[in-house]
Amino acid sequence: MDLYGALEAGGTKMVLAVMDGSGATVEKTAMPTCTPGETMPGMISFFRKYAIRSLGIGCFGPLDLHPASPAYGSITSTPKLPWRNYPIVSAFRNALQVPVALDTDVNAAALAEASLGAARGLESCLYVTVGTGIGGGLIIHGKPVHGLTHPEIGHIPVLADPADPMPRGVCPYHACCLEGMASGPSIEKRWGIPGKELPPEHPAWELESGYLAQMCASAMLSFSPEKIILGGGVMQQKFLLPMIRRKTAALLGGYIVHPAVENGLADYIVEPGLGTASGITGAWLLARQADPAPSQPQQR
């Protein structure tokens, strides 16, 4: 049986899994994201228990994803200072002696949603996670988008709502970007209480849906994905999706003429089809792509 390692490397925790060729989980565990010196040995030990063919990593960033770069496979200017400039690909490759594939955590999740989830059968989609941070993975023509670096959807500028009591966000880099204005920490700083404790009628959600609608409208006008998928902890507030759809349509102002808009975006701005498994499933798909001689895919 072919086995693959999958790692969803988050800023708060690492989710590790060994999965077979069909994507069934053989073993899965999680551990806190501490320093590399504290976290890497445990992760290496976990994967060493199995004869994995390759390892796929969906990782927090920013990352160096240019194969010709001397720093390829490294975490670069992350605010998690112990991981800054850490060569995560070479560290695992040297320890495990298997091929290692790396992409952003959100690109991996987008790949999973495009292959097996809410965007299955489509050529393009945008996956955005809204939680402790905000990140977006973009699939065009079936492949994750890489360019100068990789998309940073969480740091696109947004216009502060005049009713916002905190018109400058929490991002240390930008005064008014999406992550600074709409992430979980921004909600808590603005209102003094975590978002999950705020009732649906709280004014927090009018602001939150407005900022996320700005992102959705900008994405539709910029690169026209066939589906926008919103995940992450903040989006567990299920009443948010209808609010975001309504405000996105209002921002578009009738400019985009398409049945997806005309039906109120109900089938266009959606929750993840794979639920909370998008990230680890995407890491498994990256591992399969890194396998130099994979067997024929088994049916999920």
C-alpha atoms as a PDB file:
ATOM      1  CA  MET A   1       0.000   0.000   0.000  1.00  0.00           C
ATOM      2  CA  ASP A   2       1.382   3.392  -1.009  1.00  0.00           C
ATOM      3  CA  LEU A   3       1.554   5.827   1.900  1.00  0.00           C
ATOM      4  CA  TYR A   4       1.952   9.605   1.815  1.00  0.00           C
ATOM      5  CA  GLY A   5       2.794  12.179   4.435  1.00  0.00           C
ATOM      6  CA  ALA A   6       0.652  15.301   4.718  1.00  0.00           C
ATOM      7  CA  LEU A   7       1.408  18.341   6.852  1.00  0.00           C
ATOM      8  CA  GLU A   8      -0.877  21.322   7.375  1.00  0.00           C
ATOM      9  CA  ALA A   9       1.595  23.715   8.975  1.00  0.00           C
ATOM     10  CA  GLY A  10      -0.304  26.475  10.746  1.00  0.00           C
ATOM     11  CA  GLY A  11       0.830  29.367  12.833  1.00  0.00           C
ATOM     12  CA  THR A  12      -0.891  27.924  15.916  1.00  0.00           C
ATOM     13  CA  LYS A  13      -0.734  24.177  15.358  1.00  0.00           C
ATOM     14  CA  MET A  14       0.708  21.566  13.032  1.00  0.00           C
ATOM     15  CA  VAL A  15      -1.674  18.906  11.710  1.00  0.00           C
ATOM     16  CA  LEU A  16       0.113  15.768  10.516  1.00  0.00           C
ATOM     17  CA  ALA A  17      -1.348  12.782   8.718  1.00  0.00           C
ATOM     18  CA  VAL A  18      -0.266   9.637   6.918  1.00  0.00           C
ATOM     19  CA  MET A  19      -2.740   8.758   4.180  1.00  0.00           C
ATOM     20  CA  ASP A  20      -3.021   6.022   1.595  1.00  0.00           C
ATOM     21  CA  GLY A  21      -3.433   6.391  -2.163  1.00  0.00           C
ATOM     22  CA  SER A  22      -7.182   6.936  -1.860  1.00  0.00           C
ATOM     23  CA  GLY A  23      -6.822   9.676   0.727  1.00  0.00           C
ATOM     24  CA  ALA A  24      -7.931   7.505   3.644  1.00  0.00           C
ATOM     25  CA  THR A  25      -6.197   8.447   6.881  1.00  0.00           C
ATOM     26  CA  VAL A  26      -3.894   5.852   8.452  1.00  0.00           C
ATOM     27  CA  GLU A  27      -2.882   8.074  11.369  1.00  0.00           C
ATOM     28  CA  LYS A  28      -3.410  11.727  12.197  1.00  0.00           C
ATOM     29  CA  THR A  29      -2.160  13.920  15.007  1.00  0.00           C
ATOM     30  CA  ALA A  30      -1.586  17.573  15.893  1.00  0.00           C
ATOM     31  CA  MET A  31       0.987  19.461  17.891  1.00  0.00           C
ATOM     32  CA  PRO A  32       1.460  23.117  18.801  1.00  0.00           C
ATOM     33  CA  THR A  33       3.609  25.308  16.587  1.00  0.00           C
ATOM     34  CA  CYS A  34       6.516  26.244  18.821  1.00  0.00           C
ATOM     35  CA  THR A  35      10.053  26.935  17.598  1.00  0.00           C
ATOM     36  CA  PRO A  36      11.591  24.774  14.867  1.00  0.00           C
ATOM     37  CA  GLY A  37      13.908  23.247  17.451  1.00  0.00           C
ATOM     38  CA  GLU A  38      10.933  22.196  19.546  1.00  0.00           C
ATOM     39  CA  THR A  39       8.478  21.237  16.810  1.00  0.00           C
ATOM     40  CA  MET A  40      10.499  19.635  14.013  1.00  0.00           C
ATOM     41  CA  PRO A  41      11.839  16.589  15.922  1.00  0.00           C
ATOM     42  CA  GLY A  42       8.342  15.448  16.849  1.00  0.00           C
ATOM     43  CA  MET A  43       7.062  15.870  13.301  1.00  0.00           C
ATOM     44  CA  ILE A  44      10.020  14.001  11.828  1.00  0.00           C
ATOM     45  CA  SER A  45       9.514  11.163  14.311  1.00  0.00           C
ATOM     46  CA  PHE A  46       5.840  10.919  13.370  1.00  0.00           C
ATOM     47  CA  PHE A  47       6.546  10.529   9.651  1.00  0.00           C
ATOM     48  CA  ARG A  48       9.505   8.187  10.216  1.00  0.00           C
ATOM     49  CA  LYS A  49       7.140   5.575  11.637  1.00  0.00           C
ATOM     50  CA  TYR A  50       5.878   4.940   8.119  1.00  0.00           C
ATOM     51  CA  ALA A  51       7.506   4.187   4.768  1.00  0.00           C
ATOM     52  CA  ILE A  52       5.967   7.229   3.082  1.00  0.00           C
ATOM     53  CA  ARG A  53       6.673   7.758  -0.604  1.00  0.00           C
ATOM     54  CA  SER A  54       6.627  11.557  -0.392  1.00  0.00           C
ATOM     55  CA  LEU A  55       5.557  14.448   1.823  1.00  0.00           C
ATOM     56  CA  GLY A  56       3.237  17.338   0.975  1.00  0.00           C
ATOM     57  CA  ILE A  57       3.259  20.523   3.051  1.00  0.00           C
ATOM     58  CA  GLY A  58       0.686  23.293   3.068  1.00  0.00           C
ATOM     59  CA  CYS A  59       2.412  25.950   5.151  1.00  0.00           C
ATOM     60  CA  PHE A  60       1.866  29.380   6.650  1.00  0.00           C
ATOM     61  CA  GLY A  61       3.917  31.992   4.883  1.00  0.00           C
ATOM     62  CA  PRO A  62       5.172  33.985   3.203  1.00  0.00           C
ATOM     63  CA  LEU A  63       7.163  31.285   1.395  1.00  0.00           C
ATOM     64  CA  ASP A  64       9.871  31.144  -1.253  1.00  0.00           C
ATOM     65  CA  LEU A  65       8.283  28.954  -3.937  1.00  0.00           C
ATOM     66  CA  HIS A  66      10.667  29.644  -6.818  1.00  0.00           C
ATOM     67  CA  PRO A  67      12.521  26.374  -7.590  1.00  0.00           C
ATOM     68  CA  ALA A  68      15.546  28.272  -8.944  1.00  0.00           C
ATOM     69  CA  SER A  69      15.908  30.388  -5.814  1.00  0.00           C
ATOM     70  CA  PRO A  70      18.704  29.556  -3.344  1.00  0.00           C
ATOM     71  CA  ALA A  71      16.117  29.918  -0.592  1.00  0.00           C
ATOM     72  CA  TYR A  72      13.493  27.720  -2.272  1.00  0.00           C
ATOM     73  CA  GLY A  73      11.356  25.879   0.229  1.00  0.00           C
ATOM     74  CA  SER A  74      11.930  28.371   3.031  1.00  0.00           C
ATOM     75  CA  ILE A  75       9.501  30.295   5.176  1.00  0.00           C
ATOM     76  CA  THR A  76      10.510  33.933   4.658  1.00  0.00           C
ATOM     77  CA  SER A  77       9.183  37.113   6.302  1.00  0.00           C
ATOM     78  CA  THR A  78       6.714  35.473   8.667  1.00  0.00           C
ATOM     79  CA  PRO A  79       5.769  37.349  11.844  1.00  0.00           C
ATOM     80  CA  LYS A  80       6.476  34.071  13.671  1.00  0.00           C
ATOM     81  CA  LEU A  81      10.095  35.093  14.194  1.00  0.00           C
ATOM     82  CA  PRO A  82      11.576  31.673  15.154  1.00  0.00           C
ATOM     83  CA  TRP A  83      10.445  30.348  11.751  1.00  0.00           C
ATOM     84  CA  ARG A  84      11.704  33.296   9.693  1.00  0.00           C
ATOM     85  CA  ASN A  85      14.004  32.089   6.881  1.00  0.00           C
ATOM     86  CA  TYR A  86      13.581  28.486   8.040  1.00  0.00           C
ATOM     87  CA  PRO A  87      14.318  25.938   5.217  1.00  0.00           C
ATOM     88  CA  ILE A  88      11.380  23.658   5.915  1.00  0.00           C
ATOM     89  CA  VAL A  89      11.604  21.672   2.662  1.00  0.00           C
ATOM     90  CA  SER A  90      15.286  20.798   2.967  1.00  0.00           C
ATOM     91  CA  ALA A  91      14.879  20.015   6.673  1.00  0.00           C
ATOM     92  CA  PHE A  92      12.235  17.371   5.945  1.00  0.00           C
ATOM     93  CA  ARG A  93      13.915  16.128   2.766  1.00  0.00           C
ATOM     94  CA  ASN A  94      17.215  15.565   4.551  1.00  0.00           C
ATOM     95  CA  ALA A  95      15.561  13.883   7.530  1.00  0.00           C
ATOM     96  CA  LEU A  96      13.129  11.642   5.653  1.00  0.00           C
ATOM     97  CA  GLN A  97      14.960  11.112   2.342  1.00  0.00           C
ATOM     98  CA  VAL A  98      11.757  11.436   0.313  1.00  0.00           C
ATOM     99  CA  PRO A  99      10.495  14.017  -2.194  1.00  0.00           C
ATOM    100  CA  VAL A 100       8.852  17.015  -0.518  1.00  0.00           C
ATOM    101  CA  ALA A 101       6.324  19.388  -2.126  1.00  0.00           C
ATOM    102  CA  LEU A 102       5.494  22.765  -0.610  1.00  0.00           C
ATOM    103  CA  ASP A 103       2.806  25.371  -1.181  1.00  0.00           C
ATOM    104  CA  THR A 104       0.942  27.850   0.975  1.00  0.00           C
ATOM    105  CA  ASP A 105      -1.642  26.423   3.336  1.00  0.00           C
ATOM    106  CA  VAL A 106      -4.409  28.227   1.479  1.00  0.00           C
ATOM    107  CA  ASN A 107      -3.185  27.148  -1.964  1.00  0.00           C
ATOM    108  CA  ALA A 108      -3.214  23.570  -0.687  1.00  0.00           C
ATOM    109  CA  ALA A 109      -6.766  23.997   0.608  1.00  0.00           C
ATOM    110  CA  ALA A 110      -7.815  25.590  -2.687  1.00  0.00           C
ATOM    111  CA  LEU A 111      -6.300  22.661  -4.579  1.00  0.00           C
ATOM    112  CA  ALA A 112      -8.314  20.238  -2.449  1.00  0.00           C
ATOM    113  CA  GLU A 113     -11.544  22.160  -2.962  1.00  0.00           C
ATOM    114  CA  ALA A 114     -10.911  22.331  -6.716  1.00  0.00           C
ATOM    115  CA  SER A 115     -10.113  18.625  -6.941  1.00  0.00           C
ATOM    116  CA  LEU A 116     -12.546  17.090  -4.475  1.00  0.00           C
ATOM    117  CA  GLY A 117     -14.664  19.784  -2.860  1.00  0.00           C
ATOM    118  CA  ALA A 118     -16.946  22.729  -3.590  1.00  0.00           C
ATOM    119  CA  ALA A 119     -15.189  23.663  -6.861  1.00  0.00           C
ATOM    120  CA  ARG A 120     -14.820  20.152  -8.242  1.00  0.00           C
ATOM    121  CA  GLY A 121     -15.116  20.123 -12.019  1.00  0.00           C
ATOM    122  CA  LEU A 122     -14.311  23.830 -12.371  1.00  0.00           C
ATOM    123  CA  GLU A 123     -11.186  25.387 -13.867  1.00  0.00           C
ATOM    124  CA  SER A 124     -10.821  28.106 -11.245  1.00  0.00           C
ATOM    125  CA  CYS A 125     -11.693  29.012  -7.682  1.00  0.00           C
ATOM    126  CA  LEU A 126     -10.617  31.207  -4.791  1.00  0.00           C
ATOM    127  CA  TYR A 127     -10.385  29.702  -1.310  1.00  0.00           C
ATOM    128  CA  VAL A 128     -10.141  32.193   1.568  1.00  0.00           C
ATOM    129  CA  THR A 129      -9.688  31.288   5.206  1.00  0.00           C
ATOM    130  CA  VAL A 130     -10.853  33.829   7.779  1.00  0.00           C
ATOM    131  CA  GLY A 131      -9.516  33.157  11.245  1.00  0.00           C
ATOM    132  CA  THR A 132      -6.504  34.208  13.282  1.00  0.00           C
ATOM    133  CA  GLY A 133      -5.208  35.515   9.953  1.00  0.00           C
ATOM    134  CA  ILE A 134      -6.710  35.792   6.495  1.00  0.00           C
ATOM    135  CA  GLY A 135      -5.193  34.088   3.485  1.00  0.00           C
ATOM    136  CA  GLY A 136      -6.345  33.148   0.026  1.00  0.00           C
ATOM    137  CA  GLY A 137      -5.415  30.411  -2.403  1.00  0.00           C
ATOM    138  CA  LEU A 138      -6.199  30.895  -6.070  1.00  0.00           C
ATOM    139  CA  ILE A 139      -6.625  28.130  -8.655  1.00  0.00           C
ATOM    140  CA  ILE A 140      -6.555  29.085 -12.334  1.00  0.00           C
ATOM    141  CA  HIS A 141      -6.719  26.455 -15.117  1.00  0.00           C
ATOM    142  CA  GLY A 142      -6.611  23.801 -12.411  1.00  0.00           C
ATOM    143  CA  LYS A 143      -3.301  24.921 -10.865  1.00  0.00           C
ATOM    144  CA  PRO A 144      -2.375  27.078  -7.846  1.00  0.00           C
ATOM    145  CA  VAL A 145      -1.258  30.550  -8.850  1.00  0.00           C
ATOM    146  CA  HIS A 146       2.337  31.555  -8.185  1.00  0.00           C
ATOM    147  CA  GLY A 147       3.919  34.735  -9.456  1.00  0.00           C
ATOM    148  CA  LEU A 148       6.322  37.283  -8.045  1.00  0.00           C
ATOM    149  CA  THR A 149       5.667  35.441  -4.753  1.00  0.00           C
ATOM    150  CA  HIS A 150       2.164  34.074  -4.179  1.00  0.00           C
ATOM    151  CA  PRO A 151      -1.239  35.715  -3.703  1.00  0.00           C
ATOM    152  CA  GLU A 152      -1.665  37.618  -0.419  1.00  0.00           C
ATOM    153  CA  ILE A 153      -5.416  38.064  -0.372  1.00  0.00           C
ATOM    154  CA  GLY A 154      -5.377  38.878   3.333  1.00  0.00           C
ATOM    155  CA  HIS A 155      -3.393  42.029   2.727  1.00  0.00           C
ATOM    156  CA  ILE A 156      -5.381  43.651  -0.066  1.00  0.00           C
ATOM    157  CA  PRO A 157      -6.533  47.174   0.893  1.00  0.00           C
ATOM    158  CA  VAL A 158     -10.109  47.673   2.028  1.00  0.00           C
ATOM    159  CA  LEU A 159     -12.036  50.855   2.731  1.00  0.00           C
ATOM    160  CA  ALA A 160     -12.786  51.416   6.405  1.00  0.00           C
ATOM    161  CA  ASP A 161     -16.492  51.526   7.170  1.00  0.00           C
ATOM    162  CA  PRO A 162     -17.497  54.980   8.540  1.00  0.00           C
ATOM    163  CA  ALA A 163     -19.274  53.183  11.383  1.00  0.00           C
ATOM    164  CA  ASP A 164     -16.163  51.221  12.380  1.00  0.00           C
ATOM    165  CA  PRO A 165     -14.977  52.213  15.879  1.00  0.00           C
ATOM    166  CA  MET A 166     -11.500  50.905  14.931  1.00  0.00           C
ATOM    167  CA  PRO A 167     -10.677  52.496  11.561  1.00  0.00           C
ATOM    168  CA  ARG A 168      -7.050  51.367  11.750  1.00  0.00           C
ATOM    169  CA  GLY A 169      -6.678  47.588  11.749  1.00  0.00           C
ATOM    170  CA  VAL A 170      -4.397  45.265  13.696  1.00  0.00           C
ATOM    171  CA  CYS A 171      -1.991  44.430  10.856  1.00  0.00           C
ATOM    172  CA  PRO A 172       1.546  45.614  11.709  1.00  0.00           C
ATOM    173  CA  TYR A 173       2.294  46.208   8.022  1.00  0.00           C
ATOM    174  CA  HIS A 174      -0.815  47.988   6.703  1.00  0.00           C
ATOM    175  CA  ALA A 175      -3.216  50.495   8.194  1.00  0.00           C
ATOM    176  CA  CYS A 176      -6.341  49.138   6.535  1.00  0.00           C
ATOM    177  CA  CYS A 177      -5.969  45.714   4.913  1.00  0.00           C
ATOM    178  CA  LEU A 178      -8.429  42.827   4.951  1.00  0.00           C
ATOM    179  CA  GLU A 179      -6.592  40.829   7.619  1.00  0.00           C
ATOM    180  CA  GLY A 180      -6.133  43.892   9.791  1.00  0.00           C
ATOM    181  CA  MET A 181      -9.824  44.728   9.622  1.00  0.00           C
ATOM    182  CA  ALA A 182     -11.610  41.364   9.423  1.00  0.00           C
ATOM    183  CA  SER A 183      -9.484  38.664  11.099  1.00  0.00           C
ATOM    184  CA  GLY A 184     -10.434  37.081  14.408  1.00  0.00           C
ATOM    185  CA  PRO A 185      -7.950  39.234  16.390  1.00  0.00           C
ATOM    186  CA  SER A 186      -9.332  42.408  14.797  1.00  0.00           C
ATOM    187  CA  ILE A 187     -12.858  41.502  15.869  1.00  0.00           C
ATOM    188  CA  GLU A 188     -11.702  40.848  19.428  1.00  0.00           C
ATOM    189  CA  LYS A 189      -9.665  44.054  19.647  1.00  0.00           C
ATOM    190  CA  ARG A 190     -12.518  46.148  18.233  1.00  0.00           C
ATOM    191  CA  TRP A 191     -15.181  44.833  20.608  1.00  0.00           C
ATOM    192  CA  GLY A 192     -13.170  43.477  23.540  1.00  0.00           C
ATOM    193  CA  ILE A 193     -14.607  39.982  23.183  1.00  0.00           C
ATOM    194  CA  PRO A 194     -13.943  37.032  20.815  1.00  0.00           C
ATOM    195  CA  GLY A 195     -16.175  36.898  17.769  1.00  0.00           C
ATOM    196  CA  LYS A 196     -17.561  33.493  18.694  1.00  0.00           C
ATOM    197  CA  GLU A 197     -19.133  35.084  21.793  1.00  0.00           C
ATOM    198  CA  LEU A 198     -20.913  37.862  19.884  1.00  0.00           C
ATOM    199  CA  PRO A 199     -24.601  37.306  19.028  1.00  0.00           C
ATOM    200  CA  PRO A 200     -25.800  37.406  15.403  1.00  0.00           C
ATOM    201  CA  GLU A 201     -27.440  40.809  15.887  1.00  0.00           C
ATOM    202  CA  HIS A 202     -24.206  42.454  17.094  1.00  0.00           C
ATOM    203  CA  PRO A 203     -22.942  45.286  14.828  1.00  0.00           C
ATOM    204  CA  ALA A 204     -19.647  43.400  14.504  1.00  0.00           C
ATOM    205  CA  TRP A 205     -21.136  41.238  11.795  1.00  0.00           C
ATOM    206  CA  GLU A 206     -22.322  44.116   9.619  1.00  0.00           C
ATOM    207  CA  LEU A 207     -18.728  45.362   9.561  1.00  0.00           C
ATOM    208  CA  GLU A 208     -17.270  41.877   9.053  1.00  0.00           C
ATOM    209  CA  SER A 209     -19.561  40.991   6.173  1.00  0.00           C
ATOM    210  CA  GLY A 210     -18.865  44.342   4.557  1.00  0.00           C
ATOM    211  CA  TYR A 211     -15.097  43.877   4.591  1.00  0.00           C
ATOM    212  CA  LEU A 212     -15.343  40.330   3.259  1.00  0.00           C
ATOM    213  CA  ALA A 213     -17.767  41.501   0.571  1.00  0.00           C
ATOM    214  CA  GLN A 214     -15.187  44.061  -0.550  1.00  0.00           C
ATOM    215  CA  MET A 215     -12.720  41.209  -0.994  1.00  0.00           C
ATOM    216  CA  CYS A 216     -15.218  39.050  -2.890  1.00  0.00           C
ATOM    217  CA  ALA A 217     -16.172  41.875  -5.246  1.00  0.00           C
ATOM    218  CA  SER A 218     -12.517  42.745  -5.858  1.00  0.00           C
ATOM    219  CA  ALA A 219     -11.717  39.091  -6.609  1.00  0.00           C
ATOM    220  CA  MET A 220     -14.613  38.784  -9.050  1.00  0.00           C
ATOM    221  CA  LEU A 221     -13.539  41.933 -10.871  1.00  0.00           C
ATOM    222  CA  SER A 222      -9.819  41.104 -10.792  1.00  0.00           C
ATOM    223  CA  PHE A 223      -9.552  37.457 -11.842  1.00  0.00           C
ATOM    224  CA  SER A 224     -13.129  36.192 -12.109  1.00  0.00           C
ATOM    225  CA  PRO A 225     -12.918  32.829 -10.285  1.00  0.00           C
ATOM    226  CA  GLU A 226     -15.730  30.400 -10.993  1.00  0.00           C
ATOM    227  CA  LYS A 227     -16.315  29.883  -7.265  1.00  0.00           C
ATOM    228  CA  ILE A 228     -15.373  31.692  -4.045  1.00  0.00           C
ATOM    229  CA  ILE A 229     -15.048  29.442  -0.995  1.00  0.00           C
ATOM    230  CA  LEU A 230     -14.904  30.967   2.484  1.00  0.00           C
ATOM    231  CA  GLY A 231     -13.575  28.878   5.375  1.00  0.00           C
ATOM    232  CA  GLY A 232     -11.849  29.344   8.712  1.00  0.00           C
ATOM    233  CA  GLY A 233     -12.975  29.903  12.272  1.00  0.00           C
ATOM    234  CA  VAL A 234     -14.755  33.218  11.755  1.00  0.00           C
ATOM    235  CA  MET A 235     -16.853  31.693   8.981  1.00  0.00           C
ATOM    236  CA  GLN A 236     -18.283  29.184  11.461  1.00  0.00           C
ATOM    237  CA  GLN A 237     -20.826  31.946  12.062  1.00  0.00           C
ATOM    238  CA  LYS A 238     -23.162  30.529   9.427  1.00  0.00           C
ATOM    239  CA  PHE A 239     -25.314  33.653   9.223  1.00  0.00           C
ATOM    240  CA  LEU A 240     -22.363  35.519   7.684  1.00  0.00           C
ATOM    241  CA  LEU A 241     -22.569  33.932   4.228  1.00  0.00           C
ATOM    242  CA  PRO A 242     -25.961  35.413   3.236  1.00  0.00           C
ATOM    243  CA  MET A 243     -24.815  38.830   4.477  1.00  0.00           C
ATOM    244  CA  ILE A 244     -21.610  38.627   2.428  1.00  0.00           C
ATOM    245  CA  ARG A 245     -23.485  37.557  -0.694  1.00  0.00           C
ATOM    246  CA  ARG A 246     -25.950  40.419  -0.385  1.00  0.00           C
ATOM    247  CA  LYS A 247     -23.255  43.037   0.138  1.00  0.00           C
ATOM    248  CA  THR A 248     -21.050  41.632  -2.638  1.00  0.00           C
ATOM    249  CA  ALA A 249     -23.934  41.914  -5.113  1.00  0.00           C
ATOM    250  CA  ALA A 250     -24.553  45.498  -3.990  1.00  0.00           C
ATOM    251  CA  LEU A 251     -20.895  46.407  -4.479  1.00  0.00           C
ATOM    252  CA  LEU A 252     -20.912  44.931  -8.001  1.00  0.00           C
ATOM    253  CA  GLY A 253     -23.741  47.324  -8.836  1.00  0.00           C
ATOM    254  CA  GLY A 254     -25.128  45.192 -11.645  1.00  0.00           C
ATOM    255  CA  TYR A 255     -21.875  45.372 -13.618  1.00  0.00           C
ATOM    256  CA  ILE A 256     -21.265  41.619 -13.841  1.00  0.00           C
ATOM    257  CA  VAL A 257     -24.101  39.996 -15.765  1.00  0.00           C
ATOM    258  CA  HIS A 258     -24.114  36.274 -15.067  1.00  0.00           C
ATOM    259  CA  PRO A 259     -26.625  33.754 -13.666  1.00  0.00           C
ATOM    260  CA  ALA A 260     -24.373  33.258 -10.611  1.00  0.00           C
ATOM    261  CA  VAL A 261     -24.928  36.908  -9.686  1.00  0.00           C
ATOM    262  CA  GLU A 262     -28.548  36.994 -10.721  1.00  0.00           C
ATOM    263  CA  ASN A 263     -29.431  34.164  -8.303  1.00  0.00           C
ATOM    264  CA  GLY A 264     -27.978  36.102  -5.386  1.00  0.00           C
ATOM    265  CA  LEU A 265     -24.568  34.347  -5.358  1.00  0.00           C
ATOM    266  CA  ALA A 266     -26.061  31.478  -3.344  1.00  0.00           C
ATOM    267  CA  ASP A 267     -24.114  28.887  -5.319  1.00  0.00           C
ATOM    268  CA  TYR A 268     -21.092  31.102  -5.925  1.00  0.00           C
ATOM    269  CA  ILE A 269     -19.875  32.297  -2.510  1.00  0.00           C
ATOM    270  CA  VAL A 270     -19.996  29.070  -0.517  1.00  0.00           C
ATOM    271  CA  GLU A 271     -18.549  27.198   2.427  1.00  0.00           C
ATOM    272  CA  PRO A 272     -15.851  24.523   1.909  1.00  0.00           C
ATOM    273  CA  GLY A 273     -17.109  21.275   0.478  1.00  0.00           C
ATOM    274  CA  LEU A 274     -14.505  19.382   2.528  1.00  0.00           C
ATOM    275  CA  GLY A 275     -15.297  21.189   5.757  1.00  0.00           C
ATOM    276  CA  THR A 276     -12.236  21.490   7.986  1.00  0.00           C
ATOM    277  CA  ALA A 277     -10.334  18.830   5.997  1.00  0.00           C
ATOM    278  CA  SER A 278      -9.436  21.063   3.027  1.00  0.00           C
ATOM    279  CA  GLY A 279      -5.920  21.844   4.266  1.00  0.00           C
ATOM    280  CA  ILE A 280      -4.749  18.340   5.101  1.00  0.00           C
ATOM    281  CA  THR A 281      -6.376  16.957   1.946  1.00  0.00           C
ATOM    282  CA  GLY A 282      -4.507  19.527  -0.101  1.00  0.00           C
ATOM    283  CA  ALA A 283      -1.235  18.517   1.541  1.00  0.00           C
ATOM    284  CA  TRP A 284      -1.987  14.897   0.565  1.00  0.00           C
ATOM    285  CA  LEU A 285      -2.574  15.980  -3.029  1.00  0.00           C
ATOM    286  CA  LEU A 286       0.768  17.815  -3.017  1.00  0.00           C
ATOM    287  CA  ALA A 287       2.454  14.658  -1.740  1.00  0.00           C
ATOM    288  CA  ARG A 288       0.926  12.583  -4.529  1.00  0.00           C
ATOM    289  CA  GLN A 289       2.138  15.124  -7.075  1.00  0.00           C
ATOM    290  CA  ALA A 290       5.664  14.851  -5.620  1.00  0.00           C
ATOM    291  CA  ASP A 291       5.717  11.051  -5.892  1.00  0.00           C
ATOM    292  CA  PRO A 292       8.032  10.299  -8.851  1.00  0.00           C
ATOM    293  CA  ALA A 293       6.286   7.016  -9.684  1.00  0.00           C
ATOM    294  CA  PRO A 294       2.749   7.015  -8.284  1.00  0.00           C
ATOM    295  CA  SER A 295       0.415   4.121  -8.783  1.00  0.00           C
ATOM    296  CA  GLN A 296      -2.945   4.793 -10.387  1.00  0.00           C
ATOM    297  CA  PRO A 297      -5.149   6.878  -8.060  1.00  0.00           C
ATOM    298  CA  GLN A 298      -7.643   4.863  -6.084  1.00  0.00           C
ATOM    299  CA  GLN A 299     -11.231   6.008  -5.826  1.00  0.00           C
ATOM    300  CA  ARG A 300     -12.166   8.073  -2.778  1.00  0.00           C
END
